[in-house]
PDB file of N, CA and C in Angstrom:
ATOM      1  N   MET A   1      63.152 125.756 -33.491  1.00  0.00           N
ATOM      2  CA  MET A   1      64.399 125.048 -33.639  1.00  0.00           C
ATOM      3  C   MET A   1      64.181 123.574 -33.339  1.00  0.00           C
ATOM      4  N   SER A   2      64.652 122.720 -34.219  1.00  0.00           N
ATOM      5  CA  SER A   2      64.483 121.291 -34.030  1.00  0.00           C
ATOM      6  C   SER A   2      65.755 120.671 -33.454  1.00  0.00           C
ATOM      7  N   GLU A   3      65.626 119.446 -33.007  1.00  0.00           N
ATOM      8  CA  GLU A   3      66.769 118.680 -32.512  1.00  0.00           C
ATOM      9  C   GLU A   3      67.766 118.510 -33.649  1.00  0.00           C
ATOM     10  N   ASN A   4      69.059 118.718 -33.381  1.00  0.00           N
ATOM     11  CA  ASN A   4      70.043 118.583 -34.453  1.00  0.00           C
ATOM     12  C   ASN A   4      71.157 117.638 -34.040  1.00  0.00           C
ATOM     13  N   TRP A   5      71.630 116.855 -34.976  1.00  0.00           N
ATOM     14  CA  TRP A   5      72.640 115.831 -34.704  1.00  0.00           C
ATOM     15  C   TRP A   5      74.036 116.421 -34.547  1.00  0.00           C
ATOM     16  N   LEU A   6      74.252 117.655 -34.965  1.00  0.00           N
ATOM     17  CA  LEU A   6      75.574 118.273 -34.843  1.00  0.00           C
ATOM     18  C   LEU A   6      75.767 119.001 -33.514  1.00  0.00           C
ATOM     19  N   ASN A   7      74.715 119.127 -32.729  1.00  0.00           N
ATOM     20  CA  ASN A   7      74.780 119.799 -31.433  1.00  0.00           C
ATOM     21  C   ASN A   7      75.358 121.212 -31.561  1.00  0.00           C
ATOM     22  N   LEU A   8      74.778 122.020 -32.439  1.00  0.00           N
ATOM     23  CA  LEU A   8      75.258 123.376 -32.682  1.00  0.00           C
ATOM     24  C   LEU A   8      74.550 124.425 -31.835  1.00  0.00           C
ATOM     25  N   ASN A   9      73.638 124.003 -30.985  1.00  0.00           N
ATOM     26  CA  ASN A   9      72.903 124.941 -30.163  1.00  0.00           C
ATOM     27  C   ASN A   9      73.856 125.812 -29.352  1.00  0.00           C
ATOM     28  N   GLU A  10      73.748 127.141 -29.543  1.00  0.00           N
ATOM     29  CA  GLU A  10      74.542 128.144 -28.841  1.00  0.00           C
ATOM     30  C   GLU A  10      76.029 128.131 -29.195  1.00  0.00           C
ATOM     31  N   LYS A  11      76.423 127.416 -30.248  1.00  0.00           N
ATOM     32  CA  LYS A  11      77.794 127.507 -30.764  1.00  0.00           C
ATOM     33  C   LYS A  11      77.920 128.824 -31.515  1.00  0.00           C
ATOM     34  N   VAL A  12      79.145 129.318 -31.668  1.00  0.00           N
ATOM     35  CA  VAL A  12      79.383 130.627 -32.275  1.00  0.00           C
ATOM     36  C   VAL A  12      80.201 130.454 -33.553  1.00  0.00           C
ATOM     37  N   TYR A  13      79.639 130.938 -34.675  1.00  0.00           N
ATOM     38  CA  TYR A  13      80.290 130.792 -35.978  1.00  0.00           C
ATOM     39  C   TYR A  13      80.400 132.124 -36.701  1.00  0.00           C
ATOM     40  N   ILE A  14      81.490 132.277 -37.439  1.00  0.00           N
ATOM     41  CA  ILE A  14      81.640 133.354 -38.402  1.00  0.00           C
ATOM     42  C   ILE A  14      81.478 132.723 -39.770  1.00  0.00           C
ATOM     43  N   VAL A  15      80.645 133.333 -40.615  1.00  0.00           N
ATOM     44  CA  VAL A  15      80.490 132.879 -41.997  1.00  0.00           C
ATOM     45  C   VAL A  15      80.882 134.038 -42.901  1.00  0.00           C
ATOM     46  N   THR A  16      81.963 133.886 -43.655  1.00  0.00           N
ATOM     47  CA  THR A  16      82.325 134.936 -44.603  1.00  0.00           C
ATOM     48  C   THR A  16      81.457 134.774 -45.841  1.00  0.00           C
ATOM     49  N   GLY A  17      81.028 135.904 -46.393  1.00  0.00           N
ATOM     50  CA  GLY A  17      80.166 135.849 -47.570  1.00  0.00           C
ATOM     51  C   GLY A  17      78.816 135.225 -47.272  1.00  0.00           C
ATOM     52  N   GLY A  18      78.285 135.487 -46.091  1.00  0.00           N
ATOM     53  CA  GLY A  18      77.048 134.838 -45.661  1.00  0.00           C
ATOM     54  C   GLY A  18      75.760 135.519 -46.070  1.00  0.00           C
ATOM     55  N   SER A  19      75.845 136.574 -46.876  1.00  0.00           N
ATOM     56  CA  SER A  19      74.630 137.313 -47.223  1.00  0.00           C
ATOM     57  C   SER A  19      73.949 136.845 -48.494  1.00  0.00           C
ATOM     58  N   SER A  20      74.595 135.970 -49.262  1.00  0.00           N
ATOM     59  CA  SER A  20      73.961 135.507 -50.502  1.00  0.00           C
ATOM     60  C   SER A  20      74.512 134.139 -50.892  1.00  0.00           C
ATOM     61  N   GLY A  21      73.792 133.508 -51.780  1.00  0.00           N
ATOM     62  CA  GLY A  21      74.245 132.241 -52.353  1.00  0.00           C
ATOM     63  C   GLY A  21      74.462 131.136 -51.335  1.00  0.00           C
ATOM     64  N   ILE A  22      75.539 130.405 -51.511  1.00  0.00           N
ATOM     65  CA  ILE A  22      75.859 129.280 -50.621  1.00  0.00           C
ATOM     66  C   ILE A  22      76.042 129.762 -49.190  1.00  0.00           C
ATOM     67  N   GLY A  23      76.698 130.907 -49.012  1.00  0.00           N
ATOM     68  CA  GLY A  23      76.898 131.448 -47.669  1.00  0.00           C
ATOM     69  C   GLY A  23      75.598 131.721 -46.952  1.00  0.00           C
ATOM     70  N   GLU A  24      74.620 132.249 -47.668  1.00  0.00           N
ATOM     71  CA  GLU A  24      73.306 132.517 -47.079  1.00  0.00           C
ATOM     72  C   GLU A  24      72.645 131.208 -46.637  1.00  0.00           C
ATOM     73  N   ALA A  25      72.779 130.166 -47.454  1.00  0.00           N
ATOM     74  CA  ALA A  25      72.204 128.861 -47.096  1.00  0.00           C
ATOM     75  C   ALA A  25      72.899 128.286 -45.860  1.00  0.00           C
ATOM     76  N   ILE A  26      74.210 128.475 -45.766  1.00  0.00           N
ATOM     77  CA  ILE A  26      74.955 127.993 -44.597  1.00  0.00           C
ATOM     78  C   ILE A  26      74.487 128.738 -43.347  1.00  0.00           C
ATOM     79  N   VAL A  27      74.346 130.060 -43.461  1.00  0.00           N
ATOM     80  CA  VAL A  27      73.865 130.860 -42.330  1.00  0.00           C
ATOM     81  C   VAL A  27      72.502 130.357 -41.860  1.00  0.00           C
ATOM     82  N   LYS A  28      71.576 130.131 -42.788  1.00  0.00           N
ATOM     83  CA  LYS A  28      70.232 129.656 -42.428  1.00  0.00           C
ATOM     84  C   LYS A  28      70.290 128.317 -41.703  1.00  0.00           C
ATOM     85  N   GLU A  29      71.120 127.407 -42.185  1.00  0.00           N
ATOM     86  CA  GLU A  29      71.228 126.090 -41.535  1.00  0.00           C
ATOM     87  C   GLU A  29      71.804 126.213 -40.131  1.00  0.00           C
ATOM     88  N   LEU A  30      72.841 127.024 -39.978  1.00  0.00           N
ATOM     89  CA  LEU A  30      73.416 127.211 -38.642  1.00  0.00           C
ATOM     90  C   LEU A  30      72.392 127.818 -37.694  1.00  0.00           C
ATOM     91  N   LEU A  31      71.640 128.807 -38.176  1.00  0.00           N
ATOM     92  CA  LEU A  31      70.597 129.418 -37.347  1.00  0.00           C
ATOM     93  C   LEU A  31      69.509 128.405 -36.997  1.00  0.00           C
ATOM     94  N   ASN A  32      69.108 127.584 -37.959  1.00  0.00           N
ATOM     95  CA  ASN A  32      68.092 126.553 -37.709  1.00  0.00           C
ATOM     96  C   ASN A  32      68.556 125.555 -36.660  1.00  0.00           C
ATOM     97  N   ASP A  33      69.881 125.382 -36.554  1.00  0.00           N
ATOM     98  CA  ASP A  33      70.439 124.451 -35.576  1.00  0.00           C
ATOM     99  C   ASP A  33      70.788 125.133 -34.257  1.00  0.00           C
ATOM    100  N   GLY A  34      70.404 126.413 -34.104  1.00  0.00           N
ATOM    101  CA  GLY A  34      70.550 127.096 -32.818  1.00  0.00           C
ATOM    102  C   GLY A  34      71.858 127.820 -32.597  1.00  0.00           C
ATOM    103  N   ALA A  35      72.693 127.948 -33.625  1.00  0.00           N
ATOM    104  CA  ALA A  35      73.985 128.608 -33.470  1.00  0.00           C
ATOM    105  C   ALA A  35      73.832 130.127 -33.491  1.00  0.00           C
ATOM    106  N   TYR A  36      74.816 130.810 -32.913  1.00  0.00           N
ATOM    107  CA  TYR A  36      74.973 132.249 -33.082  1.00  0.00           C
ATOM    108  C   TYR A  36      75.854 132.429 -34.308  1.00  0.00           C
ATOM    109  N   VAL A  37      75.434 133.292 -35.245  1.00  0.00           N
ATOM    110  CA  VAL A  37      76.153 133.435 -36.506  1.00  0.00           C
ATOM    111  C   VAL A  37      76.503 134.895 -36.747  1.00  0.00           C
ATOM    112  N   TYR A  38      77.753 135.119 -37.096  1.00  0.00           N
ATOM    113  CA  TYR A  38      78.228 136.431 -37.529  1.00  0.00           C
ATOM    114  C   TYR A  38      78.452 136.346 -39.030  1.00  0.00           C
ATOM    115  N   ASP A  39      77.670 137.113 -39.775  1.00  0.00           N
ATOM    116  CA  ASP A  39      77.768 137.168 -41.230  1.00  0.00           C
ATOM    117  C   ASP A  39      78.759 138.269 -41.586  1.00  0.00           C
ATOM    118  N   ALA A  40      79.944 137.869 -42.049  1.00  0.00           N
ATOM    119  CA  ALA A  40      80.995 138.812 -42.432  1.00  0.00           C
ATOM    120  C   ALA A  40      80.953 138.985 -43.942  1.00  0.00           C
ATOM    121  N   ASP A  41      80.353 140.068 -44.390  1.00  0.00           N
ATOM    122  CA  ASP A  41      80.138 140.279 -45.821  1.00  0.00           C
ATOM    123  C   ASP A  41      80.149 141.775 -46.095  1.00  0.00           C
ATOM    124  N   LEU A  42      80.231 142.136 -47.360  1.00  0.00           N
ATOM    125  CA  LEU A  42      80.135 143.543 -47.749  1.00  0.00           C
ATOM    126  C   LEU A  42      78.686 143.966 -47.953  1.00  0.00           C
ATOM    127  N   GLN A  43      77.820 143.007 -48.263  1.00  0.00           N
ATOM    128  CA  GLN A  43      76.399 143.271 -48.474  1.00  0.00           C
ATOM    129  C   GLN A  43      75.620 142.862 -47.224  1.00  0.00           C
ATOM    130  N   PRO A  44      74.628 143.658 -46.825  1.00  0.00           N
ATOM    131  CA  PRO A  44      73.832 143.321 -45.633  1.00  0.00           C
ATOM    132  C   PRO A  44      73.117 141.976 -45.770  1.00  0.00           C
ATOM    133  N   ALA A  45      72.930 141.337 -44.635  1.00  0.00           N
ATOM    134  CA  ALA A  45      72.206 140.074 -44.595  1.00  0.00           C
ATOM    135  C   ALA A  45      70.738 140.312 -44.932  1.00  0.00           C
ATOM    136  N   LYS A  46      70.141 139.378 -45.665  1.00  0.00           N
ATOM    137  CA  LYS A  46      68.705 139.457 -45.975  1.00  0.00           C
ATOM    138  C   LYS A  46      67.886 138.885 -44.826  1.00  0.00           C
ATOM    139  N   GLU A  47      68.463 137.932 -44.157  1.00  0.00           N
ATOM    140  CA  GLU A  47      67.825 137.213 -43.056  1.00  0.00           C
ATOM    141  C   GLU A  47      67.823 138.086 -41.794  1.00  0.00           C
ATOM    142  N   GLU A  48      66.771 137.992 -41.010  1.00  0.00           N
ATOM    143  CA  GLU A  48      66.739 138.615 -39.691  1.00  0.00           C
ATOM    144  C   GLU A  48      66.475 137.527 -38.674  1.00  0.00           C
ATOM    145  N   HIS A  49      67.289 137.503 -37.636  1.00  0.00           N
ATOM    146  CA  HIS A  49      67.179 136.458 -36.627  1.00  0.00           C
ATOM    147  C   HIS A  49      67.873 136.959 -35.362  1.00  0.00           C
ATOM    148  N   ASP A  50      67.365 136.557 -34.199  1.00  0.00           N
ATOM    149  CA  ASP A  50      67.964 136.975 -32.922  1.00  0.00           C
ATOM    150  C   ASP A  50      69.412 136.531 -32.787  1.00  0.00           C
ATOM    151  N   HIS A  51      69.778 135.422 -33.415  1.00  0.00           N
ATOM    152  CA  HIS A  51      71.137 134.885 -33.296  1.00  0.00           C
ATOM    153  C   HIS A  51      72.039 135.297 -34.459  1.00  0.00           C
ATOM    154  N   LEU A  52      71.566 136.180 -35.328  1.00  0.00           N
ATOM    155  CA  LEU A  52      72.352 136.600 -36.489  1.00  0.00           C
ATOM    156  C   LEU A  52      72.839 138.031 -36.311  1.00  0.00           C
ATOM    157  N   THR A  53      74.142 138.220 -36.516  1.00  0.00           N
ATOM    158  CA  THR A  53      74.737 139.548 -36.473  1.00  0.00           C
ATOM    159  C   THR A  53      75.471 139.784 -37.782  1.00  0.00           C
ATOM    160  N   PHE A  54      75.061 140.807 -38.511  1.00  0.00           N
ATOM    161  CA  PHE A  54      75.774 141.185 -39.728  1.00  0.00           C
ATOM    162  C   PHE A  54      76.889 142.152 -39.357  1.00  0.00           C
ATOM    163  N   VAL A  55      78.097 141.866 -39.836  1.00  0.00           N
ATOM    164  CA  VAL A  55      79.233 142.760 -39.626  1.00  0.00           C
ATOM    165  C   VAL A  55      79.841 143.038 -40.995  1.00  0.00           C
ATOM    166  N   GLU A  56      79.688 144.283 -41.459  1.00  0.00           N
ATOM    167  CA  GLU A  56      80.267 144.622 -42.761  1.00  0.00           C
ATOM    168  C   GLU A  56      81.775 144.412 -42.685  1.00  0.00           C
ATOM    169  N   THR A  57      82.268 143.469 -43.490  1.00  0.00           N
ATOM    170  CA  THR A  57      83.670 143.077 -43.421  1.00  0.00           C
ATOM    171  C   THR A  57      84.218 142.801 -44.809  1.00  0.00           C
ATOM    172  N   ASP A  58      85.323 143.454 -45.125  1.00  0.00           N
ATOM    173  CA  ASP A  58      86.086 143.147 -46.329  1.00  0.00           C
ATOM    174  C   ASP A  58      87.137 142.125 -45.904  1.00  0.00           C
ATOM    175  N   VAL A  59      86.961 140.882 -46.305  1.00  0.00           N
ATOM    176  CA  VAL A  59      87.849 139.813 -45.835  1.00  0.00           C
ATOM    177  C   VAL A  59      89.271 139.928 -46.378  1.00  0.00           C
ATOM    178  N   THR A  60      89.521 140.880 -47.277  1.00  0.00           N
ATOM    179  CA  THR A  60      90.888 141.123 -47.752  1.00  0.00           C
ATOM    180  C   THR A  60      91.589 142.172 -46.899  1.00  0.00           C
ATOM    181  N   ASN A  61      90.867 142.736 -45.921  1.00  0.00           N
ATOM    182  CA  ASN A  61      91.411 143.791 -45.072  1.00  0.00           C
ATOM    183  C   ASN A  61      91.686 143.224 -43.679  1.00  0.00           C
ATOM    184  N   LYS A  62      92.968 143.074 -43.342  1.00  0.00           N
ATOM    185  CA  LYS A  62      93.364 142.455 -42.078  1.00  0.00           C
ATOM    186  C   LYS A  62      92.762 143.163 -40.870  1.00  0.00           C
ATOM    187  N   GLU A  63      92.734 144.490 -40.893  1.00  0.00           N
ATOM    188  CA  GLU A  63      92.199 145.239 -39.754  1.00  0.00           C
ATOM    189  C   GLU A  63      90.711 144.950 -39.545  1.00  0.00           C
ATOM    190  N   GLN A  64      89.953 144.851 -40.638  1.00  0.00           N
ATOM    191  CA  GLN A  64      88.525 144.547 -40.516  1.00  0.00           C
ATOM    192  C   GLN A  64      88.302 143.132 -39.993  1.00  0.00           C
ATOM    193  N   VAL A  65      89.130 142.194 -40.449  1.00  0.00           N
ATOM    194  CA  VAL A  65      89.007 140.811 -39.966  1.00  0.00           C
ATOM    195  C   VAL A  65      89.381 140.746 -38.492  1.00  0.00           C
ATOM    196  N   ASP A  66      90.466 141.425 -38.107  1.00  0.00           N
ATOM    197  CA  ASP A  66      90.863 141.455 -36.695  1.00  0.00           C
ATOM    198  C   ASP A  66      89.753 142.055 -35.827  1.00  0.00           C
ATOM    199  N   ALA A  67      89.119 143.130 -36.317  1.00  0.00           N
ATOM    200  CA  ALA A  67      88.033 143.770 -35.564  1.00  0.00           C
ATOM    201  C   ALA A  67      86.834 142.827 -35.434  1.00  0.00           C
ATOM    202  N   LEU A  68      86.533 142.098 -36.492  1.00  0.00           N
ATOM    203  CA  LEU A  68      85.436 141.126 -36.456  1.00  0.00           C
ATOM    204  C   LEU A  68      85.692 140.061 -35.392  1.00  0.00           C
ATOM    205  N   VAL A  69      86.880 139.478 -35.443  1.00  0.00           N
ATOM    206  CA  VAL A  69      87.232 138.422 -34.479  1.00  0.00           C
ATOM    207  C   VAL A  69      87.191 138.979 -33.061  1.00  0.00           C
ATOM    208  N   ALA A  70      87.737 140.180 -32.854  1.00  0.00           N
ATOM    209  CA  ALA A  70      87.722 140.796 -31.518  1.00  0.00           C
ATOM    210  C   ALA A  70      86.291 141.020 -31.033  1.00  0.00           C
ATOM    211  N   ARG A  71      85.422 141.444 -31.921  1.00  0.00           N
ATOM    212  CA  ARG A  71      84.017 141.678 -31.543  1.00  0.00           C
ATOM    213  C   ARG A  71      83.338 140.383 -31.112  1.00  0.00           C
ATOM    214  N   VAL A  72      83.542 139.326 -31.889  1.00  0.00           N
ATOM    215  CA  VAL A  72      82.917 138.041 -31.554  1.00  0.00           C
ATOM    216  C   VAL A  72      83.439 137.544 -30.204  1.00  0.00           C
ATOM    217  N   ILE A  73      84.748 137.635 -29.998  1.00  0.00           N
ATOM    218  CA  ILE A  73      85.344 137.204 -28.723  1.00  0.00           C
ATOM    219  C   ILE A  73      84.792 138.044 -27.576  1.00  0.00           C
ATOM    220  N   GLU A  74      84.671 139.364 -27.792  1.00  0.00           N
ATOM    221  CA  GLU A  74      84.145 140.248 -26.751  1.00  0.00           C
ATOM    222  C   GLU A  74      82.700 139.886 -26.403  1.00  0.00           C
ATOM    223  N   GLU A  75      81.890 139.562 -27.413  1.00  0.00           N
ATOM    224  CA  GLU A  75      80.469 139.306 -27.184  1.00  0.00           C
ATOM    225  C   GLU A  75      80.169 137.884 -26.709  1.00  0.00           C
ATOM    226  N   HIS A  76      81.017 136.914 -27.098  1.00  0.00           N
ATOM    227  CA  HIS A  76      80.725 135.513 -26.752  1.00  0.00           C
ATOM    228  C   HIS A  76      81.852 134.803 -26.011  1.00  0.00           C
ATOM    229  N   GLY A  77      83.040 135.393 -25.984  1.00  0.00           N
ATOM    230  CA  GLY A  77      84.148 134.786 -25.263  1.00  0.00           C
ATOM    231  C   GLY A  77      84.933 133.750 -26.046  1.00  0.00           C
ATOM    232  N   HIS A  78      84.410 133.328 -27.183  1.00  0.00           N
ATOM    233  CA  HIS A  78      85.083 132.302 -27.983  1.00  0.00           C
ATOM    234  C   HIS A  78      84.451 132.233 -29.372  1.00  0.00           C
ATOM    235  N   ILE A  79      85.109 131.513 -30.255  1.00  0.00           N
ATOM    236  CA  ILE A  79      84.576 131.219 -31.586  1.00  0.00           C
ATOM    237  C   ILE A  79      84.675 129.714 -31.783  1.00  0.00           C
ATOM    238  N   ASP A  80      83.548 129.092 -32.119  1.00  0.00           N
ATOM    239  CA  ASP A  80      83.552 127.643 -32.332  1.00  0.00           C
ATOM    240  C   ASP A  80      83.960 127.262 -33.742  1.00  0.00           C
ATOM    241  N   GLY A  81      83.755 128.145 -34.708  1.00  0.00           N
ATOM    242  CA  GLY A  81      84.134 127.793 -36.076  1.00  0.00           C
ATOM    243  C   GLY A  81      84.020 128.965 -37.025  1.00  0.00           C
ATOM    244  N   VAL A  82      84.766 128.839 -38.133  1.00  0.00           N
ATOM    245  CA  VAL A  82      84.732 129.821 -39.213  1.00  0.00           C
ATOM    246  C   VAL A  82      84.401 129.078 -40.496  1.00  0.00           C
ATOM    247  N   VAL A  83      83.369 129.543 -41.211  1.00  0.00           N
ATOM    248  CA  VAL A  83      83.054 128.988 -42.523  1.00  0.00           C
ATOM    249  C   VAL A  83      83.599 129.980 -43.542  1.00  0.00           C
ATOM    250  N   ASN A  84      84.661 129.563 -44.228  1.00  0.00           N
ATOM    251  CA  ASN A  84      85.348 130.435 -45.179  1.00  0.00           C
ATOM    252  C   ASN A  84      84.659 130.354 -46.536  1.00  0.00           C
ATOM    253  N   ASN A  85      83.582 131.098 -46.675  1.00  0.00           N
ATOM    254  CA  ASN A  85      82.804 131.090 -47.907  1.00  0.00           C
ATOM    255  C   ASN A  85      83.069 132.326 -48.764  1.00  0.00           C
ATOM    256  N   GLY A  86      83.578 133.400 -48.162  1.00  0.00           N
ATOM    257  CA  GLY A  86      83.832 134.641 -48.889  1.00  0.00           C
ATOM    258  C   GLY A  86      84.942 134.459 -49.905  1.00  0.00           C
ATOM    259  N   CYS A  87      84.920 135.277 -50.934  1.00  0.00           N
ATOM    260  CA  CYS A  87      85.964 135.176 -51.954  1.00  0.00           C
ATOM    261  C   CYS A  87      86.209 136.514 -52.624  1.00  0.00           C
ATOM    262  N   ILE A  88      87.278 136.556 -53.384  1.00  0.00           N
ATOM    263  CA  ILE A  88      87.600 137.721 -54.189  1.00  0.00           C
ATOM    264  C   ILE A  88      87.321 137.331 -55.629  1.00  0.00           C
ATOM    265  N   ILE A  89      86.618 138.173 -56.359  1.00  0.00           N
ATOM    266  CA  ILE A  89      86.288 137.853 -57.755  1.00  0.00           C
ATOM    267  C   ILE A  89      87.138 138.710 -58.690  1.00  0.00           C
ATOM    268  N   PHE A  90      87.807 138.044 -59.611  1.00  0.00           N
ATOM    269  CA  PHE A  90      88.613 138.720 -60.618  1.00  0.00           C
ATOM    270  C   PHE A  90      88.001 138.493 -61.989  1.00  0.00           C
ATOM    271  N   ARG A  91      88.061 139.478 -62.837  1.00  0.00           N
ATOM    272  CA  ARG A  91      87.651 139.321 -64.228  1.00  0.00           C
ATOM    273  C   ARG A  91      88.924 139.262 -65.068  1.00  0.00           C
ATOM    274  N   THR A  92      88.990 138.289 -65.970  1.00  0.00           N
ATOM    275  CA  THR A  92      90.123 138.184 -66.874  1.00  0.00           C
ATOM    276  C   THR A  92      89.612 138.059 -68.296  1.00  0.00           C
ATOM    277  N   ASP A  93      90.512 138.118 -69.266  1.00  0.00           N
ATOM    278  CA  ASP A  93      90.111 137.974 -70.664  1.00  0.00           C
ATOM    279  C   ASP A  93      89.625 136.568 -70.970  1.00  0.00           C
ATOM    280  N   ASN A  94      90.239 135.569 -70.353  1.00  0.00           N
ATOM    281  CA  ASN A  94      89.935 134.174 -70.671  1.00  0.00           C
ATOM    282  C   ASN A  94      88.830 133.575 -69.818  1.00  0.00           C
ATOM    283  N   VAL A  95      88.657 134.101 -68.627  1.00  0.00           N
ATOM    284  CA  VAL A  95      87.683 133.541 -67.693  1.00  0.00           C
ATOM    285  C   VAL A  95      86.796 134.680 -67.205  1.00  0.00           C
ATOM    286  N   LYS A  96      85.500 134.464 -67.227  1.00  0.00           N
ATOM    287  CA  LYS A  96      84.574 135.510 -66.794  1.00  0.00           C
ATOM    288  C   LYS A  96      84.776 135.866 -65.318  1.00  0.00           C
ATOM    289  N   PHE A  97      84.735 134.866 -64.455  1.00  0.00           N
ATOM    290  CA  PHE A  97      84.925 135.095 -63.030  1.00  0.00           C
ATOM    291  C   PHE A  97      85.872 134.043 -62.483  1.00  0.00           C
ATOM    292  N   PHE A  98      86.737 134.482 -61.634  1.00  0.00           N
ATOM    293  CA  PHE A  98      87.656 133.565 -60.967  1.00  0.00           C
ATOM    294  C   PHE A  98      87.622 133.915 -59.496  1.00  0.00           C
ATOM    295  N   CYS A  99      87.329 132.957 -58.666  1.00  0.00           N
ATOM    296  CA  CYS A  99      87.129 133.208 -57.247  1.00  0.00           C
ATOM    297  C   CYS A  99      88.271 132.601 -56.432  1.00  0.00           C
ATOM    298  N   ILE A 100      88.878 133.408 -55.580  1.00  0.00           N
ATOM    299  CA  ILE A 100      89.929 132.928 -54.689  1.00  0.00           C
ATOM    300  C   ILE A 100      89.426 133.095 -53.257  1.00  0.00           C
ATOM    301  N   THR A 101      89.395 132.031 -52.506  1.00  0.00           N
ATOM    302  CA  THR A 101      88.957 132.151 -51.117  1.00  0.00           C
ATOM    303  C   THR A 101      90.060 132.797 -50.292  1.00  0.00           C
ATOM    304  N   VAL A 102      89.656 133.446 -49.235  1.00  0.00           N
ATOM    305  CA  VAL A 102      90.588 134.199 -48.410  1.00  0.00           C
ATOM    306  C   VAL A 102      90.643 133.561 -47.031  1.00  0.00           C
ATOM    307  N   LEU A 103      91.606 132.687 -46.827  1.00  0.00           N
ATOM    308  CA  LEU A 103      91.777 132.033 -45.540  1.00  0.00           C
ATOM    309  C   LEU A 103      92.960 132.612 -44.784  1.00  0.00           C
ATOM    310  N   LEU A 104      93.882 133.224 -45.467  1.00  0.00           N
ATOM    311  CA  LEU A 104      95.111 133.694 -44.841  1.00  0.00           C
ATOM    312  C   LEU A 104      94.865 134.669 -43.699  1.00  0.00           C
ATOM    313  N   LEU A 105      93.880 135.534 -43.824  1.00  0.00           N
ATOM    314  CA  LEU A 105      93.634 136.508 -42.769  1.00  0.00           C
ATOM    315  C   LEU A 105      93.100 135.854 -41.500  1.00  0.00           C
ATOM    316  N   PHE A 106      92.483 134.687 -41.629  1.00  0.00           N
ATOM    317  CA  PHE A 106      91.989 133.978 -40.454  1.00  0.00           C
ATOM    318  C   PHE A 106      93.043 133.038 -39.877  1.00  0.00           C
ATOM    319  N   SER A 107      94.189 132.895 -40.539  1.00  0.00           N
ATOM    320  CA  SER A 107      95.223 131.957 -40.103  1.00  0.00           C
ATOM    321  C   SER A 107      95.676 132.168 -38.666  1.00  0.00           C
ATOM    322  N   PRO A 108      95.933 133.424 -38.209  1.00  0.00           N
ATOM    323  CA  PRO A 108      96.341 133.582 -36.803  1.00  0.00           C
ATOM    324  C   PRO A 108      95.300 133.037 -35.833  1.00  0.00           C
ATOM    325  N   PHE A 109      94.011 133.281 -36.106  1.00  0.00           N
ATOM    326  CA  PHE A 109      92.945 132.746 -35.254  1.00  0.00           C
ATOM    327  C   PHE A 109      92.983 131.229 -35.258  1.00  0.00           C
ATOM    328  N   LEU A 110      93.148 130.630 -36.446  1.00  0.00           N
ATOM    329  CA  LEU A 110      93.137 129.183 -36.557  1.00  0.00           C
ATOM    330  C   LEU A 110      94.352 128.570 -35.868  1.00  0.00           C
ATOM    331  N   ARG A 111      95.521 129.199 -35.999  1.00  0.00           N
ATOM    332  CA  ARG A 111      96.724 128.696 -35.318  1.00  0.00           C
ATOM    333  C   ARG A 111      96.542 128.750 -33.814  1.00  0.00           C
ATOM    334  N   GLN A 112      95.986 129.853 -33.292  1.00  0.00           N
ATOM    335  CA  GLN A 112      95.760 129.985 -31.854  1.00  0.00           C
ATOM    336  C   GLN A 112      94.804 128.910 -31.373  1.00  0.00           C
ATOM    337  N   ASN A 113      93.731 128.677 -32.118  1.00  0.00           N
ATOM    338  CA  ASN A 113      92.752 127.672 -31.754  1.00  0.00           C
ATOM    339  C   ASN A 113      93.387 126.282 -31.740  1.00  0.00           C
ATOM    340  N   LYS A 114      94.251 125.999 -32.723  1.00  0.00           N
ATOM    341  CA  LYS A 114      94.918 124.698 -32.799  1.00  0.00           C
ATOM    342  C   LYS A 114      95.884 124.536 -31.624  1.00  0.00           C
ATOM    343  N   ARG A 115      96.613 125.613 -31.297  1.00  0.00           N
ATOM    344  CA  ARG A 115      97.579 125.570 -30.202  1.00  0.00           C
ATOM    345  C   ARG A 115      96.857 125.314 -28.875  1.00  0.00           C
ATOM    346  N   ASP A 116      95.706 125.951 -28.695  1.00  0.00           N
ATOM    347  CA  ASP A 116      94.942 125.763 -27.467  1.00  0.00           C
ATOM    348  C   ASP A 116      94.244 124.413 -27.429  1.00  0.00           C
ATOM    349  N   GLY A 117      94.137 123.795 -28.582  1.00  0.00           N
ATOM    350  CA  GLY A 117      93.481 122.492 -28.674  1.00  0.00           C
ATOM    351  C   GLY A 117      91.987 122.632 -28.854  1.00  0.00           C
ATOM    352  N   PRO A 118      91.374 121.622 -29.433  1.00  0.00           N
ATOM    353  CA  PRO A 118      89.919 121.672 -29.631  1.00  0.00           C
ATOM    354  C   PRO A 118      89.210 121.631 -28.279  1.00  0.00           C
ATOM    355  N   GLN A 119      88.140 122.373 -28.202  1.00  0.00           N
ATOM    356  CA  GLN A 119      87.341 122.365 -26.984  1.00  0.00           C
ATOM    357  C   GLN A 119      86.105 121.542 -27.253  1.00  0.00           C
ATOM    358  N   ARG A 120      86.047 120.394 -26.656  1.00  0.00           N
ATOM    359  CA  ARG A 120      84.942 119.476 -26.904  1.00  0.00           C
ATOM    360  C   ARG A 120      84.097 119.333 -25.651  1.00  0.00           C
ATOM    361  N   GLN A 121      82.827 119.135 -25.880  1.00  0.00           N
ATOM    362  CA  GLN A 121      81.926 118.859 -24.775  1.00  0.00           C
ATOM    363  C   GLN A 121      81.746 117.352 -24.694  1.00  0.00           C
ATOM    364  N   SER A 122      81.769 116.844 -23.483  1.00  0.00           N
ATOM    365  CA  SER A 122      81.503 115.417 -23.339  1.00  0.00           C
ATOM    366  C   SER A 122      80.011 115.213 -23.181  1.00  0.00           C
ATOM    367  N   ASN A 123      79.542 114.108 -23.710  1.00  0.00           N
ATOM    368  CA  ASN A 123      78.099 113.810 -23.645  1.00  0.00           C
ATOM    369  C   ASN A 123      77.763 113.146 -22.352  1.00  0.00           C
TER     370      ASN A 123
END
């Protein structure tokens, strides 16, 4: 692990859709910067790392998202950030793929975090 300008060492992140594509690249960068990462996806993570936890999660299912958040809180006591990379793919006659990101299920977590205020470390 190298020195990083974002100071992500030991920060805790959830990445939806972190097992492939852009999400996989985000997971790798967070891990390279020393973060603990929870990959919330339907497909298993390809990456293996001490700080990576794959949690099979359908981000359209409120109960699964609630269980994911509860697990992260139980294991780390807090969540520093959520990368909303997961999406729902629809096929239509006019468009091959249409992707809608799913942020609504994380809204209660985000509102609580905003109400409590940002937790910043002083240098």
